[in-house]
Amino acid sequence: MKGLMAIEIGTGIAEWLVLGAGSLVLTDIPVSVLNIKVHSMPIESKNQQTASQKSNIHSPGDFQKSYGNRDWNWYRGLLATSIRYGMPGTWLDLGAGLGLFVECARRFGIDCIGLEGSEYAVKLAKKRRPDIDIRQHCLDDKFPFENNSISTIMCHQTIEHVCPEVAKFMLKECYRVLIKEGVILIYSPCMYDKKQRVEERHINLYKPSRLRTELKEAGFVNTEANNSSRMILGNCRIARYIMQGVFKLFPFDFLSASANCIAVKPA
């Protein structure tokens, strides 16, 4: 049976691709060989994918679980990062959810448009803030914008909810609508994070190197990772500092808790 096996080996994880009976290819090298645990990660064939799996649109209950009592203030830090790396002009938020990032940007005078597949979320966002520009649009359809019309794109916790084919299409559409030297910022969980692997809504988890590769294949350059380390040694302050230091020196995929990237459309 074809699939992925994430093999936990002490302080790291090695990813193995099962190509056939008894045939394995090593794609990430472990840092030690201790306390081996194997976690099966089956891969569905293309024929098994249904239309609903192409774009995992949240239900009302999912939005309540994901957002809780969050408001636009939660996105101040994300907006600050976007201003630091992004370009002035019209911004785009992909998978805008309840429109909170769009609202945050607008409150600071930034023209930002949100695309969201859920009719429920769009209606709720417009009911809360009638003045924000959020539109119902599925990401497997061509974006409703002209070429070279968007300056900065935010894709926050979205790409893991669409199938690989849609994700690649989405990145190409991002490249098409961005201006020259326009910027895309992608934030997503890493496939090596155990908690994220069991989340049923995550149908396309990335590792950092794969995300950078697909951005480059779409035409982007100057890809810059902005990832955080897995808390393998525990969550106390000393353990966090140690892992942050190790990850800074050795930013291997299997040590990452996220698959984030900032990339630029060339001039």
Foldseek 3Di string as FASTA:
>chain_A
DWFWKWKDAQQFTWIWTDPDVVDIDTDADDPHHHDIDIDTGGDDDPVPDDPCQQFVADDPVRLCVVQPPNALVVCPVVVVVCVVQWDAAEEEEEQCFLVSPQVNCVVVPGHYAYEHQDPVSVVNNCVVPVPGHYYHDTLQDQDPAAFQHHQEYEYEAGLQQGDPVSSLVSLLSVLRRHHAFGKYKHKHWACLAVVVVPPPSRNHHHFQVVVVVSNVVSQWDPKDDDFAFDQSVDDDPVSRVVLRVVCVVPVDRRGTGIRIIMTTHHD
